[in-house]
Amino acid sequence: MKKIEAVIKPFKLDDVKDGLSGLGVQGLTVSEVKGFGRQRGHREIYRGAEYQVDFVSKIKIEVVVASDLVPDAVEVIKEKAWTGQIGDGKIFIFPVEEVIRIRTGEIGEEAI
């Protein structure tokens, strides 16, 4: 099993969620996050005053999938989150040692 974390642009969330659902992914966790990468934020104008926004709003998606589903899930995220502009995001993949469903006590892939 692997955990996939993707940091994407907020307006791409529905496309990514729908794409993962089409693969059979049954659940995911979504968090609103802020950060910066190479963009280093951006400048905005508010009431005539220009100011620097250091942290850009993003969405972080976390999903745990069977190892054999990882390449397909990553491809869906890449395809659906892509805009071709700076700040499209990143995908991180981590090994998952064990999963336990609290309600039923199921262990491993059955608990996903």
Protein backbone atom coordinates (compact mmCIF):
# COMPACT_ATOMS: atom_id res chain seq x y z
CA MET A 1 0.00 0.00 0.00
CA LYS A 2 1.08 3.56 -0.68
CA LYS A 3 -0.03 6.98 0.46
CA ILE A 4 -0.21 9.61 -2.26
CA GLU A 5 -0.15 13.26 -1.25
CA ALA A 6 -0.76 15.84 -3.94
CA VAL A 7 -0.60 19.61 -3.54
CA ILE A 8 -2.67 21.21 -6.30
CA LYS A 9 -4.42 24.41 -7.32
CA PRO A 10 -7.79 24.74 -5.54
CA PHE A 11 -9.91 24.98 -8.69
CA LYS A 12 -8.58 21.59 -9.88
CA LEU A 13 -9.93 19.66 -6.87
CA ASP A 14 -13.20 18.49 -8.44
CA ASP A 15 -11.45 17.26 -11.60
CA VAL A 16 -8.89 15.29 -9.57
CA LYS A 17 -11.56 13.87 -7.23
CA ASP A 18 -13.71 12.75 -10.16
CA GLY A 19 -10.71 11.17 -11.89
CA LEU A 20 -9.69 9.23 -8.78
CA SER A 21 -13.28 8.11 -8.20
CA GLY A 22 -13.31 6.78 -11.76
CA LEU A 23 -10.35 4.57 -10.84
CA GLY A 24 -12.24 3.11 -7.90
CA VAL A 25 -10.59 5.16 -5.16
CA GLN A 26 -13.22 5.13 -2.41
CA GLY A 27 -11.98 7.87 -0.12
CA LEU A 28 -9.60 10.76 0.16
CA THR A 29 -8.71 13.51 2.61
CA VAL A 30 -8.61 17.14 1.50
CA SER A 31 -6.92 19.98 3.40
CA GLU A 32 -6.65 23.68 2.60
CA VAL A 33 -2.99 24.59 2.88
CA LYS A 34 -0.72 27.55 2.16
CA GLY A 35 2.85 27.53 1.01
CA PHE A 36 5.28 28.51 -1.70
CA GLY A 37 7.69 26.87 -4.06
CA ARG A 38 9.58 28.45 -6.91
CA GLN A 39 6.76 30.99 -7.27
CA ARG A 40 7.75 32.66 -4.02
CA GLY A 41 4.22 34.03 -3.67
CA HIS A 42 2.89 36.88 -5.77
CA ARG A 43 1.98 40.57 -5.67
CA GLU A 44 -1.60 41.81 -5.31
CA ILE A 45 -3.22 45.21 -5.29
CA TYR A 46 -5.84 45.99 -2.65
CA ARG A 47 -7.48 49.42 -2.51
CA GLY A 48 -4.69 50.89 -4.56
CA ALA A 49 -1.88 49.54 -2.39
CA GLU A 50 0.42 46.82 -3.70
CA TYR A 51 1.54 44.13 -1.29
CA GLN A 52 3.37 40.81 -1.38
CA VAL A 53 1.51 37.56 -0.70
CA ASP A 54 4.19 35.16 0.56
CA PHE A 55 2.05 32.05 0.87
CA VAL A 56 -0.17 30.81 -1.94
CA SER A 57 -3.41 28.94 -1.16
CA LYS A 58 -3.36 25.32 -2.32
CA ILE A 59 -5.25 22.08 -1.71
CA LYS A 60 -3.56 18.96 -0.34
CA ILE A 61 -5.14 15.63 -1.24
CA GLU A 62 -4.18 12.50 0.67
CA VAL A 63 -5.21 9.04 -0.50
CA VAL A 64 -4.06 5.52 0.39
CA VAL A 65 -4.23 2.96 -2.42
CA ALA A 66 -3.02 -0.54 -3.20
CA SER A 67 0.51 -0.49 -4.62
CA ASP A 68 -0.62 -1.70 -8.05
CA LEU A 69 -3.01 1.25 -8.37
CA VAL A 70 -0.32 3.89 -7.71
CA PRO A 71 0.82 4.46 -11.34
CA ASP A 72 -2.77 4.95 -12.52
CA ALA A 73 -3.65 7.24 -9.61
CA VAL A 74 -0.53 9.36 -10.17
CA GLU A 75 -1.28 9.62 -13.88
CA VAL A 76 -4.86 10.76 -13.16
CA ILE A 77 -3.64 13.40 -10.71
CA LYS A 78 -1.01 14.66 -13.16
CA GLU A 79 -3.51 14.83 -16.01
CA LYS A 80 -6.37 16.43 -14.06
CA ALA A 81 -4.28 18.94 -12.06
CA TRP A 82 -2.20 20.14 -15.02
CA THR A 83 -2.63 23.71 -16.29
CA GLY A 84 0.82 24.24 -17.76
CA GLN A 85 1.39 27.23 -15.48
CA ILE A 86 3.85 27.62 -12.63
CA GLY A 87 2.40 26.35 -9.35
CA ASP A 88 0.56 23.31 -10.71
CA GLY A 89 1.76 21.40 -7.64
CA LYS A 90 3.61 18.30 -6.54
CA ILE A 91 2.87 14.63 -5.90
CA PHE A 92 4.54 12.69 -3.08
CA ILE A 93 4.36 8.92 -2.62
CA PHE A 94 5.01 7.20 0.70
CA PRO A 95 4.98 3.54 1.76
CA VAL A 96 2.18 2.60 4.18
CA GLU A 97 3.07 -0.03 6.73
CA GLU A 98 -0.43 -0.91 7.91
CA VAL A 99 -4.03 0.28 7.75
CA ILE A 100 -6.68 -0.58 10.33
CA ARG A 101 -10.35 0.32 10.02
CA ILE A 102 -11.42 1.33 13.51
CA ARG A 103 -15.11 0.42 13.17
CA THR A 104 -14.65 -3.17 11.93
CA GLY A 105 -11.07 -4.00 12.85
CA GLU A 106 -10.25 -4.84 9.21
CA ILE A 107 -6.53 -4.78 8.48
CA GLY A 108 -4.55 -4.10 5.31
CA GLU A 109 -6.06 -3.47 1.88
CA GLU A 110 -9.52 -4.52 3.11
CA ALA A 111 -9.41 -1.51 5.43
CA ILE A 112 -8.85 0.94 2.59
